[in-house]
């Protein structure tokens, strides 16, 4: 790696053991590679979280802009009445 910067990182004993174990088993070539992957995953999670927050904001705005709210029980009662009327129409003799 031509363009790298060395950084010192303090880890708990448990984390340091985990890093050593994955290097010893050959899963990673070095502790640096473990840290680089951890940072890539961290960056990805942050991007996904930012995207989720943006989507939540968009959905919130869409909900606010969709019109006035009604009580949930009232909404279900209206849906129930509408469905019962449609069922009654289908059962009525022609």
Foldseek 3Di string as FASTA:
>chain_A
DPDDDDDDDDDDPVVVVVLVVCCVVVVDVHSVVVVVVVVVVVVVVVVVVVVVVVVVVVVVVCVVVVDDDDDPVVVVVVVVVVVVVVVVVVPDDD
